[in-house]
């Protein structure tokens, strides 16, 4: 059981859902130089996955 609801949501989210959120963040938060960059979007998705990784005492 996760103690962090956001981490739990990322753990349960599909890759498509995470990619859509990553695109939204890139388009709305990043500078214009990086927003359309697919590498930036992949970095966001990887960050979501790291955030969703179970912490000590948590499990899927």
C-alpha atoms as a PDB file:
ATOM      1  CA  UNK A   1       0.000   0.000   0.000  1.00  0.00           C
ATOM      2  CA  UNK A   2       1.348   3.390  -0.964  1.00  0.00           C
ATOM      3  CA  UNK A   3       1.404   6.219   1.519  1.00  0.00           C
ATOM      4  CA  UNK A   4       1.773   8.710  -1.330  1.00  0.00           C
ATOM      5  CA  UNK A   5      -1.372   8.823  -3.480  1.00  0.00           C
ATOM      6  CA  UNK A   6       0.405  10.564  -6.351  1.00  0.00           C
ATOM      7  CA  UNK A   7       3.054   7.822  -6.499  1.00  0.00           C
ATOM      8  CA  UNK A   8       0.277   5.233  -6.439  1.00  0.00           C
ATOM      9  CA  UNK A   9      -1.498   6.972  -9.320  1.00  0.00           C
ATOM     10  CA  UNK A  10       1.712   7.014 -11.378  1.00  0.00           C
ATOM     11  CA  UNK A  11       2.302   3.329 -10.614  1.00  0.00           C
ATOM     12  CA  UNK A  12      -1.176   2.475 -11.897  1.00  0.00           C
ATOM     13  CA  UNK A  13      -1.158   4.869 -14.877  1.00  0.00           C
ATOM     14  CA  UNK A  14      -0.700   3.554 -18.399  1.00  0.00           C
ATOM     15  CA  UNK A  15       2.296   4.616 -20.457  1.00  0.00           C
ATOM     16  CA  UNK A  16      -0.119   6.570 -22.669  1.00  0.00           C
ATOM     17  CA  UNK A  17      -1.504   8.474 -19.683  1.00  0.00           C
ATOM     18  CA  UNK A  18       1.995   9.306 -18.474  1.00  0.00           C
ATOM     19  CA  UNK A  19       3.046  10.412 -21.974  1.00  0.00           C
ATOM     20  CA  UNK A  20      -0.020  12.662 -22.272  1.00  0.00           C
ATOM     21  CA  UNK A  21       0.791  14.297 -18.925  1.00  0.00           C
ATOM     22  CA  UNK A  22       4.441  14.649 -19.942  1.00  0.00           C
ATOM     23  CA  UNK A  23       3.430  16.393 -23.176  1.00  0.00           C
ATOM     24  CA  UNK A  24       1.130  18.704 -21.235  1.00  0.00           C
ATOM     25  CA  UNK A  25       3.914  19.622 -18.812  1.00  0.00           C
ATOM     26  CA  UNK A  26       6.447  20.100 -21.599  1.00  0.00           C
ATOM     27  CA  UNK A  27       4.082  22.338 -23.539  1.00  0.00           C
ATOM     28  CA  UNK A  28       3.090  24.418 -20.532  1.00  0.00           C
ATOM     29  CA  UNK A  29       6.161  24.545 -18.310  1.00  0.00           C
ATOM     30  CA  UNK A  30       9.245  24.127 -20.476  1.00  0.00           C
ATOM     31  CA  UNK A  31      10.815  26.845 -22.551  1.00  0.00           C
ATOM     32  CA  UNK A  32       9.783  26.927 -26.189  1.00  0.00           C
ATOM     33  CA  UNK A  33      13.137  25.407 -27.137  1.00  0.00           C
ATOM     34  CA  UNK A  34      12.472  22.183 -25.232  1.00  0.00           C
ATOM     35  CA  UNK A  35       8.687  21.766 -25.358  1.00  0.00           C
ATOM     36  CA  UNK A  36       8.432  19.868 -28.676  1.00  0.00           C
ATOM     37  CA  UNK A  37      11.493  17.768 -27.852  1.00  0.00           C
ATOM     38  CA  UNK A  38      10.534  14.095 -27.542  1.00  0.00           C
ATOM     39  CA  UNK A  39      13.616  13.460 -25.400  1.00  0.00           C
ATOM     40  CA  UNK A  40      12.256  15.938 -22.840  1.00  0.00           C
ATOM     41  CA  UNK A  41       8.925  14.086 -22.783  1.00  0.00           C
ATOM     42  CA  UNK A  42      10.732  10.772 -22.230  1.00  0.00           C
ATOM     43  CA  UNK A  43      12.638  12.377 -19.340  1.00  0.00           C
ATOM     44  CA  UNK A  44       9.343  13.362 -17.738  1.00  0.00           C
ATOM     45  CA  UNK A  45       7.903   9.853 -18.118  1.00  0.00           C
ATOM     46  CA  UNK A  46      11.082   8.380 -16.613  1.00  0.00           C
ATOM     47  CA  UNK A  47      10.762  10.788 -13.693  1.00  0.00           C
ATOM     48  CA  UNK A  48       7.149   9.684 -13.149  1.00  0.00           C
ATOM     49  CA  UNK A  49       8.324   6.061 -13.069  1.00  0.00           C
ATOM     50  CA  UNK A  50      11.076   6.847 -10.554  1.00  0.00           C
ATOM     51  CA  UNK A  51       8.595   8.740  -8.387  1.00  0.00           C
ATOM     52  CA  UNK A  52       6.204   5.776  -8.512  1.00  0.00           C
ATOM     53  CA  UNK A  53       8.851   3.271  -7.440  1.00  0.00           C
ATOM     54  CA  UNK A  54       7.931   1.756  -4.074  1.00  0.00           C
ATOM     55  CA  UNK A  55       9.619   3.262  -1.068  1.00  0.00           C
ATOM     56  CA  UNK A  56      10.816   1.206   1.886  1.00  0.00           C
ATOM     57  CA  UNK A  57       7.869  -0.663   3.377  1.00  0.00           C
ATOM     58  CA  UNK A  58       5.620  -0.035   0.366  1.00  0.00           C
ATOM     59  CA  UNK A  59       4.671  -2.571  -2.237  1.00  0.00           C
ATOM     60  CA  UNK A  60       2.623  -2.738  -5.386  1.00  0.00           C
END
